[in-house]
Amino acid sequence: MPGVVITASHNPGNYNGLKFCQPGAAPIGDDTGLREIRALAEAGLPPSRKTGSVTAIDLKNDYVDHVIAVTSAGSIGPLTVAIDGGNGMAGAVLPAVFDRIDARMLPLFLEPDGTFPNHPADPLRPENLVDLTNLVRTAHPDLGVAFDGDADRAFFVDDLAVPLPGSTTTAIIAEWFLQRNPGEPIVHNLICSKAVPEIVSAAGGVPVRTKVGHSYIKQVMAESGAIFGGEHSGHYYFRDNYRADSGIMAMLVLMRVLSDAGVTLSALRGRYEPYAQSGEINFVVADVVASGAAVAEAFSGAEQDRLDGLTVDFGDRWFNVRPSNTEPVLRLNVEAPDRASVDELVGTVAAIIEEQA
């Protein structure tokens, strides 16, 4: 049956929203019904005359069984993991998960509290990782994890308290799945590092590139039959989880990898990070279309594609600019062989965008 989750995701407590899905957890996005739902809401339709009923169901134990089965978490070794729940929904489940595995949790802010008294539940922002990184530096766990408010995203820091880019986590988890399921498709969005499709191909998988956003990822996973999908923003999707994203499942797979590898994450990660990245840089502009067109014109001699915004590829380096769906903002991502090359390309593109601001 269809479903709706009431969630503010990583937003502050005064926000709320609805995440819709069709039967089988199929996503509802702009191209698959969300525009029609918006039109119905804006039309001011009268409330339904039908009445329904409320049934309370406790699915916690069933859910824990499910995540343990999908990730083979029963084989996790005696790791220590620092976890910042951000006073979001992860804390409602994590104690039950750790009761089932041979690992120890060092908890921070696991009590669900919609006022978010400690920090916003948005670990994409570095200032919200300070408590976690401080705990990792003092307690020396094997892994640090921060969840957003509804726990569909997870962000990781290694044993030296250095954050992992979403591309690194995507590549590590993709390789783990391909070692057990060779030849499977793996979905990644176009802002992920080139290392992701390279590692997927080297592991015998089939990389599938797609637009940014959960509704696109889930749709392409359904079309391609992909076993796993990842985004730079900390969303990780699992075919055996109805193609839905789960920060807890991503954490458990990463714990499996560390248990099997027998080395620290700081030592393991290097192989998955051959390139330097800028991270996402936002520019407020008067006209996102004109600004994007100016960038395209300036690099007309280079290879370009329009899958999502504008991607310009020079072979050894690339960048993407794409408009925000909700703000007059252009988002820039750059990747190159080294930091100096990244900074140079960021400066060149930024100058063109800022001329249009």
Protein backbone atom coordinates (compact mmCIF):
# COMPACT_ATOMS: atom_id res chain seq x y z
CA MET A 1 0.00 0.00 0.00
CA PRO A 2 1.09 3.64 -0.35
CA GLY A 3 2.77 5.35 2.59
CA VAL A 4 3.60 8.77 4.01
CA VAL A 5 6.32 9.70 6.47
CA ILE A 6 6.04 12.97 8.39
CA THR A 7 9.59 14.24 8.56
CA ALA A 8 11.65 17.40 8.62
CA SER A 9 14.69 15.35 7.58
CA HIS A 10 17.76 17.37 8.63
CA ASN A 11 15.88 20.67 8.99
CA PRO A 12 15.22 22.56 12.26
CA GLY A 13 12.34 21.69 14.56
CA ASN A 14 10.00 24.35 13.14
CA TYR A 15 9.99 22.55 9.78
CA ASN A 16 7.90 19.58 8.78
CA GLY A 17 7.15 17.85 5.54
CA LEU A 18 5.67 14.76 3.98
CA LYS A 19 7.64 12.09 2.14
CA PHE A 20 5.29 10.08 -0.05
CA CYS A 21 5.83 6.65 -1.55
CA GLN A 22 3.80 4.29 -3.68
CA PRO A 23 3.28 0.57 -3.00
CA GLY A 24 6.57 -1.26 -2.72
CA ALA A 25 8.27 1.96 -1.49
CA ALA A 26 8.41 3.35 -5.05
CA PRO A 27 9.26 7.07 -4.79
CA ILE A 28 6.96 9.94 -5.61
CA GLY A 29 8.93 12.88 -6.99
CA ASP A 30 8.43 15.78 -9.37
CA ASP A 31 8.14 13.51 -12.38
CA THR A 32 6.14 10.75 -10.68
CA GLY A 33 3.17 12.51 -9.09
CA LEU A 34 4.43 15.21 -6.71
CA ARG A 35 3.44 18.04 -9.05
CA GLU A 36 -0.09 16.66 -9.26
CA ILE A 37 -0.27 16.41 -5.47
CA ARG A 38 0.86 20.02 -5.21
CA ALA A 39 -1.79 21.13 -7.68
CA LEU A 40 -4.49 19.34 -5.67
CA ALA A 41 -3.30 21.00 -2.47
CA GLU A 42 -3.19 24.45 -4.06
CA ALA A 43 -6.68 23.99 -5.46
CA GLY A 44 -8.06 24.07 -1.92
CA LEU A 45 -10.11 20.90 -2.16
CA PRO A 46 -12.58 20.35 0.69
CA PRO A 47 -11.60 17.82 3.34
CA SER A 48 -12.60 14.22 2.74
CA ARG A 49 -15.89 13.03 4.21
CA LYS A 50 -14.40 9.61 4.77
CA THR A 51 -13.23 8.61 8.22
CA GLY A 52 -10.40 6.26 8.93
CA SER A 53 -8.92 4.42 11.86
CA VAL A 54 -5.61 4.45 13.69
CA THR A 55 -3.72 1.26 14.48
CA ALA A 56 -0.48 1.41 16.46
CA ILE A 57 2.11 -1.18 15.43
CA ASP A 58 5.53 -1.62 17.02
CA LEU A 59 7.86 -2.70 14.20
CA LYS A 60 11.17 -2.14 15.99
CA ASN A 61 12.11 -5.80 16.41
CA ASP A 62 11.07 -6.64 12.84
CA TYR A 63 13.10 -3.68 11.57
CA VAL A 64 16.19 -4.72 13.52
CA ASP A 65 15.86 -8.25 12.12
CA HIS A 66 15.66 -6.74 8.65
CA VAL A 67 18.73 -4.49 8.84
CA ILE A 68 20.79 -7.27 10.42
CA ALA A 69 19.83 -9.67 7.62
CA VAL A 70 20.46 -7.25 4.73
CA THR A 71 23.93 -6.27 5.99
CA SER A 72 25.06 -9.64 7.42
CA ALA A 73 25.75 -7.68 10.59
CA GLY A 74 25.91 -10.83 12.70
CA SER A 75 29.51 -11.22 11.50
CA ILE A 76 30.66 -7.82 12.80
CA GLY A 77 33.62 -8.10 15.15
CA PRO A 78 34.20 -6.35 18.51
CA LEU A 79 34.47 -2.80 17.19
CA THR A 80 33.88 0.40 19.13
CA VAL A 81 31.72 2.97 17.39
CA ALA A 82 31.05 6.57 18.47
CA ILE A 83 27.56 7.64 17.42
CA ASP A 84 25.93 11.07 17.42
CA GLY A 85 22.19 10.57 16.99
CA GLY A 86 21.53 14.32 16.81
CA ASN A 87 18.43 13.83 19.03
CA GLY A 88 16.74 12.39 15.95
CA MET A 89 15.12 9.07 15.14
CA ALA A 90 18.31 6.99 15.01
CA GLY A 91 18.28 6.87 18.81
CA ALA A 92 14.94 5.06 18.81
CA VAL A 93 16.51 2.01 17.11
CA LEU A 94 20.28 1.98 17.62
CA PRO A 95 20.35 0.47 21.14
CA ALA A 96 18.31 -2.49 19.87
CA VAL A 97 20.68 -2.89 16.91
CA PHE A 98 23.80 -2.89 19.10
CA ASP A 99 22.19 -5.42 21.42
CA ARG A 100 22.33 -7.83 18.47
CA ILE A 101 25.94 -7.36 17.34
CA ASP A 102 29.39 -7.85 18.84
CA ALA A 103 30.26 -4.16 18.95
CA ARG A 104 30.22 -1.38 21.53
CA MET A 105 28.50 1.96 21.10
CA LEU A 106 29.71 5.26 22.55
CA PRO A 107 26.47 7.29 22.40
CA LEU A 108 25.89 11.00 21.99
CA PHE A 109 22.44 12.61 21.91
CA LEU A 110 20.42 9.46 21.25
CA GLU A 111 17.28 10.73 23.00
CA PRO A 112 14.76 11.83 20.33
CA ASP A 113 13.95 15.49 20.96
CA GLY A 114 12.40 17.66 18.27
CA THR A 115 13.80 20.83 19.83
CA PHE A 116 17.33 19.56 18.99
CA PRO A 117 18.91 20.92 22.19
CA ASN A 118 22.52 20.02 21.34
CA HIS A 119 22.93 20.91 17.67
CA PRO A 120 20.87 20.76 14.46
CA ALA A 121 20.49 17.23 13.11
CA ASP A 122 22.30 18.11 9.88
CA PRO A 123 25.71 16.41 9.82
CA LEU A 124 26.42 17.75 6.33
CA ARG A 125 27.46 20.98 8.09
CA PRO A 126 30.94 20.66 9.68
CA GLU A 127 29.95 22.58 12.82
CA ASN A 128 27.45 19.83 13.66
CA LEU A 129 30.22 17.20 13.66
CA VAL A 130 32.27 18.92 16.39
CA ASP A 131 30.87 16.84 19.27
CA LEU A 132 31.44 13.60 17.38
CA THR A 133 34.99 14.43 16.27
CA ASN A 134 35.89 15.49 19.81
CA LEU A 135 34.62 12.16 21.13
CA VAL A 136 36.60 10.24 18.50
CA ARG A 137 39.79 12.12 19.42
CA THR A 138 39.40 11.40 23.12
CA ALA A 139 37.89 7.87 23.13
CA HIS A 140 39.70 6.45 20.05
CA PRO A 141 36.88 4.29 18.60
CA ASP A 142 37.20 2.44 15.32
CA LEU A 143 34.54 4.59 13.63
CA GLY A 144 32.43 7.67 14.21
CA VAL A 145 28.90 8.06 12.83
CA ALA A 146 26.51 11.04 12.76
CA PHE A 147 22.89 10.69 11.68
CA ASP A 148 20.50 13.32 10.40
CA GLY A 149 17.07 13.84 11.95
CA ASP A 150 15.21 10.97 10.29
CA ALA A 151 18.31 8.75 10.02
CA ASP A 152 18.04 8.18 6.28
CA ARG A 153 21.51 9.76 6.00
CA ALA A 154 24.71 8.87 7.83
CA PHE A 155 28.07 10.65 7.84
CA PHE A 156 31.23 8.92 8.91
CA VAL A 157 34.55 9.95 10.42
CA ASP A 158 37.56 7.68 10.59
CA ASP A 159 39.61 6.72 13.65
CA LEU A 160 41.58 9.97 13.31
CA ALA A 161 38.34 12.01 13.33
CA VAL A 162 38.66 12.89 9.62
CA PRO A 163 35.29 12.91 7.79
CA LEU A 164 34.70 10.58 4.85
CA PRO A 165 33.23 12.12 1.68
CA GLY A 166 30.03 10.46 0.57
CA SER A 167 31.84 9.23 -2.53
CA THR A 168 34.35 7.32 -0.40
CA THR A 169 31.61 5.61 1.57
CA THR A 170 29.71 4.82 -1.65
CA ALA A 171 32.79 3.20 -3.21
CA ILE A 172 33.59 1.13 -0.10
CA ILE A 173 30.05 -0.19 0.29
CA ALA A 174 29.65 -0.81 -3.45
CA GLU A 175 32.81 -2.91 -3.52
CA TRP A 176 31.61 -4.91 -0.50
CA PHE A 177 28.36 -5.77 -2.28
CA LEU A 178 30.13 -6.64 -5.52
CA GLN A 179 32.47 -9.04 -3.75
CA ARG A 180 29.36 -11.00 -2.80
CA ASN A 181 27.28 -10.26 -5.91
CA PRO A 182 29.60 -9.87 -8.90
CA GLY A 183 28.28 -8.23 -12.03
CA GLU A 184 25.52 -6.22 -10.34
CA PRO A 185 24.67 -2.63 -11.30
CA ILE A 186 25.59 0.12 -8.81
CA VAL A 187 23.89 3.53 -9.04
CA HIS A 188 25.73 6.77 -8.23
CA ASN A 189 24.79 10.36 -8.86
CA LEU A 190 26.81 12.51 -11.21
CA ILE A 191 28.46 14.52 -8.42
CA CYS A 192 30.15 11.47 -6.95
CA SER A 193 33.87 11.17 -7.52
CA LYS A 194 35.04 9.43 -10.69
CA ALA A 195 36.62 6.97 -8.30
CA VAL A 196 33.17 5.48 -7.70
CA PRO A 197 32.51 4.17 -11.24
CA GLU A 198 36.20 3.23 -11.56
CA ILE A 199 36.10 1.10 -8.42
CA VAL A 200 32.73 -0.40 -9.37
CA SER A 201 34.10 -1.41 -12.79
CA ALA A 202 37.31 -2.80 -11.29
CA ALA A 203 35.21 -4.90 -8.89
CA GLY A 204 33.24 -6.36 -11.79
CA GLY A 205 30.14 -4.22 -11.36
CA VAL A 206 28.21 -1.99 -13.73
CA PRO A 207 28.24 1.72 -12.76
CA VAL A 208 25.01 3.59 -13.53
CA ARG A 209 25.16 7.40 -13.43
CA THR A 210 22.07 9.42 -12.55
CA LYS A 211 20.74 12.76 -11.41
CA VAL A 212 21.05 13.99 -7.83
CA GLY A 213 18.10 13.18 -5.56
CA HIS A 214 16.45 10.22 -3.88
CA SER A 215 13.48 9.96 -6.25
CA TYR A 216 15.84 9.69 -9.25
CA ILE A 217 18.16 7.22 -7.53
CA LYS A 218 15.29 4.94 -6.49
CA GLN A 219 13.69 5.04 -9.92
CA VAL A 220 16.96 4.20 -11.70
CA MET A 221 17.67 1.43 -9.20
CA ALA A 222 14.29 -0.09 -10.02
CA GLU A 223 14.91 0.19 -13.76
CA SER A 224 18.44 -1.21 -13.63
CA GLY A 225 17.98 -3.74 -10.84
CA ALA A 226 20.93 -2.18 -9.00
CA ILE A 227 21.87 -3.79 -5.70
CA PHE A 228 23.13 -0.53 -4.16
CA GLY A 229 23.15 3.19 -4.78
CA GLY A 230 25.02 6.08 -3.21
CA GLU A 231 25.07 9.87 -3.21
CA HIS A 232 27.71 12.39 -2.19
CA SER A 233 25.24 13.79 0.36
CA GLY A 234 25.22 10.75 2.64
CA HIS A 235 22.22 8.88 1.22
CA TYR A 236 22.85 5.16 0.68
CA TYR A 237 20.21 2.95 -0.96
CA PHE A 238 19.78 -0.82 -0.74
CA ARG A 239 17.87 -3.03 -3.14
CA ASP A 240 16.92 -5.40 -0.32
CA ASN A 241 15.57 -2.42 1.61
CA TYR A 242 13.00 -1.72 -1.12
CA ARG A 243 15.63 0.55 -2.71
CA ALA A 244 15.16 2.98 0.20
CA ASP A 245 18.04 4.80 1.87
CA SER A 246 19.19 3.85 5.36
CA GLY A 247 21.96 5.41 7.40
CA ILE A 248 21.89 2.49 9.84
CA MET A 249 22.42 -0.07 7.08
CA ALA A 250 25.31 1.96 5.66
CA MET A 251 26.88 2.03 9.12
CA LEU A 252 26.55 -1.74 9.54
CA VAL A 253 28.11 -2.48 6.15
CA LEU A 254 31.02 -0.17 6.92
CA MET A 255 31.46 -1.98 10.24
CA ARG A 256 31.48 -5.30 8.35
CA VAL A 257 34.19 -3.96 6.04
CA LEU A 258 36.35 -2.87 8.97
CA SER A 259 35.84 -6.19 10.75
CA ASP A 260 36.84 -8.16 7.68
CA ALA A 261 39.77 -5.93 6.71
CA GLY A 262 41.39 -5.88 10.14
CA VAL A 263 42.88 -2.42 9.51
CA THR A 264 41.92 1.08 10.58
CA LEU A 265 39.56 3.11 8.45
CA SER A 266 42.21 5.83 8.13
CA ALA A 267 44.50 3.24 6.52
CA LEU A 268 41.76 1.66 4.42
CA ARG A 269 40.27 4.77 2.87
CA GLY A 270 43.23 5.98 0.79
CA ARG A 271 42.65 3.52 -2.05
CA TYR A 272 39.14 4.94 -2.55
CA GLU A 273 40.26 8.59 -2.67
CA PRO A 274 42.63 9.04 -5.62
CA TYR A 275 41.33 12.52 -6.47
CA ALA A 276 40.81 15.87 -4.74
CA GLN A 277 37.33 17.36 -4.47
CA SER A 278 35.98 20.82 -3.72
CA GLY A 279 32.81 19.77 -1.94
CA GLU A 280 29.63 21.62 -2.82
CA ILE A 281 30.01 25.41 -3.14
CA ASN A 282 26.86 27.54 -3.35
CA PHE A 283 26.51 30.84 -5.24
CA VAL A 284 23.50 33.14 -4.86
CA VAL A 285 22.72 34.51 -8.33
CA ALA A 286 20.05 36.73 -9.84
CA ASP A 287 19.28 34.32 -12.69
CA VAL A 288 20.38 30.69 -12.44
CA VAL A 289 19.61 30.05 -16.11
CA ALA A 290 21.72 32.97 -17.34
CA SER A 291 24.57 32.11 -14.99
CA GLY A 292 24.57 28.49 -16.11
CA ALA A 293 24.51 29.56 -19.76
CA ALA A 294 27.49 31.86 -19.20
CA VAL A 295 29.50 28.97 -17.73
CA ALA A 296 28.52 26.69 -20.62
CA GLU A 297 29.60 29.32 -23.16
CA ALA A 298 32.94 29.88 -21.43
CA PHE A 299 33.75 26.16 -21.69
CA SER A 300 32.11 25.46 -25.05
CA GLY A 301 35.23 23.73 -26.32
CA ALA A 302 35.17 21.07 -23.59
CA GLU A 303 33.03 17.94 -23.31
CA GLN A 304 29.65 18.82 -21.76
CA ASP A 305 26.52 17.00 -20.71
CA ARG A 306 23.17 18.14 -19.29
CA LEU A 307 22.02 15.15 -17.28
CA ASP A 308 21.65 17.39 -14.22
CA GLY A 309 22.65 21.01 -14.67
CA LEU A 310 25.92 21.29 -16.62
CA THR A 311 28.87 18.92 -16.31
CA VAL A 312 32.10 19.91 -18.04
CA ASP A 313 34.73 17.18 -18.32
CA PHE A 314 38.37 17.79 -19.27
CA GLY A 315 39.46 14.18 -18.83
CA ASP A 316 41.71 14.61 -15.81
CA ARG A 317 39.33 17.05 -14.08
CA TRP A 318 35.66 17.99 -14.20
CA PHE A 319 33.05 20.23 -12.66
CA ASN A 320 29.28 20.38 -12.38
CA VAL A 321 27.04 23.39 -11.85
CA ARG A 322 23.36 22.85 -11.21
CA PRO A 323 20.54 25.02 -9.90
CA SER A 324 18.91 24.48 -6.54
CA ASN A 325 15.30 23.30 -6.72
CA THR A 326 14.19 25.79 -4.06
CA GLU A 327 16.58 28.77 -4.02
CA PRO A 328 18.22 31.22 -6.47
CA VAL A 329 21.44 29.28 -6.01
CA LEU A 330 23.94 27.55 -8.29
CA ARG A 331 25.78 24.62 -6.75
CA LEU A 332 29.34 23.95 -7.93
CA ASN A 333 31.31 20.71 -7.49
CA VAL A 334 34.86 20.26 -8.79
CA GLU A 335 37.21 17.27 -8.93
CA ALA A 336 40.83 17.18 -10.08
CA PRO A 337 44.04 15.21 -9.50
CA ASP A 338 45.23 17.46 -6.66
CA ARG A 339 44.12 20.30 -4.40
CA ALA A 340 45.93 23.02 -6.34
CA SER A 341 44.14 22.01 -9.55
CA VAL A 342 40.79 21.95 -7.74
CA ASP A 343 41.35 25.43 -6.34
CA GLU A 344 42.38 26.76 -9.74
CA LEU A 345 39.28 25.40 -11.48
CA VAL A 346 37.00 26.58 -8.66
CA GLY A 347 38.45 30.07 -9.04
CA THR A 348 37.91 30.10 -12.80
CA VAL A 349 34.30 28.92 -12.65
CA ALA A 350 33.47 31.10 -9.64
CA ALA A 351 34.66 34.21 -11.46
CA ILE A 352 32.27 33.49 -14.34
CA ILE A 353 29.33 32.86 -12.00
CA GLU A 354 30.04 35.94 -9.89
CA GLU A 355 30.05 38.15 -13.00
CA GLN A 356 26.36 37.21 -13.36
CA ALA A 357 25.43 37.58 -9.68
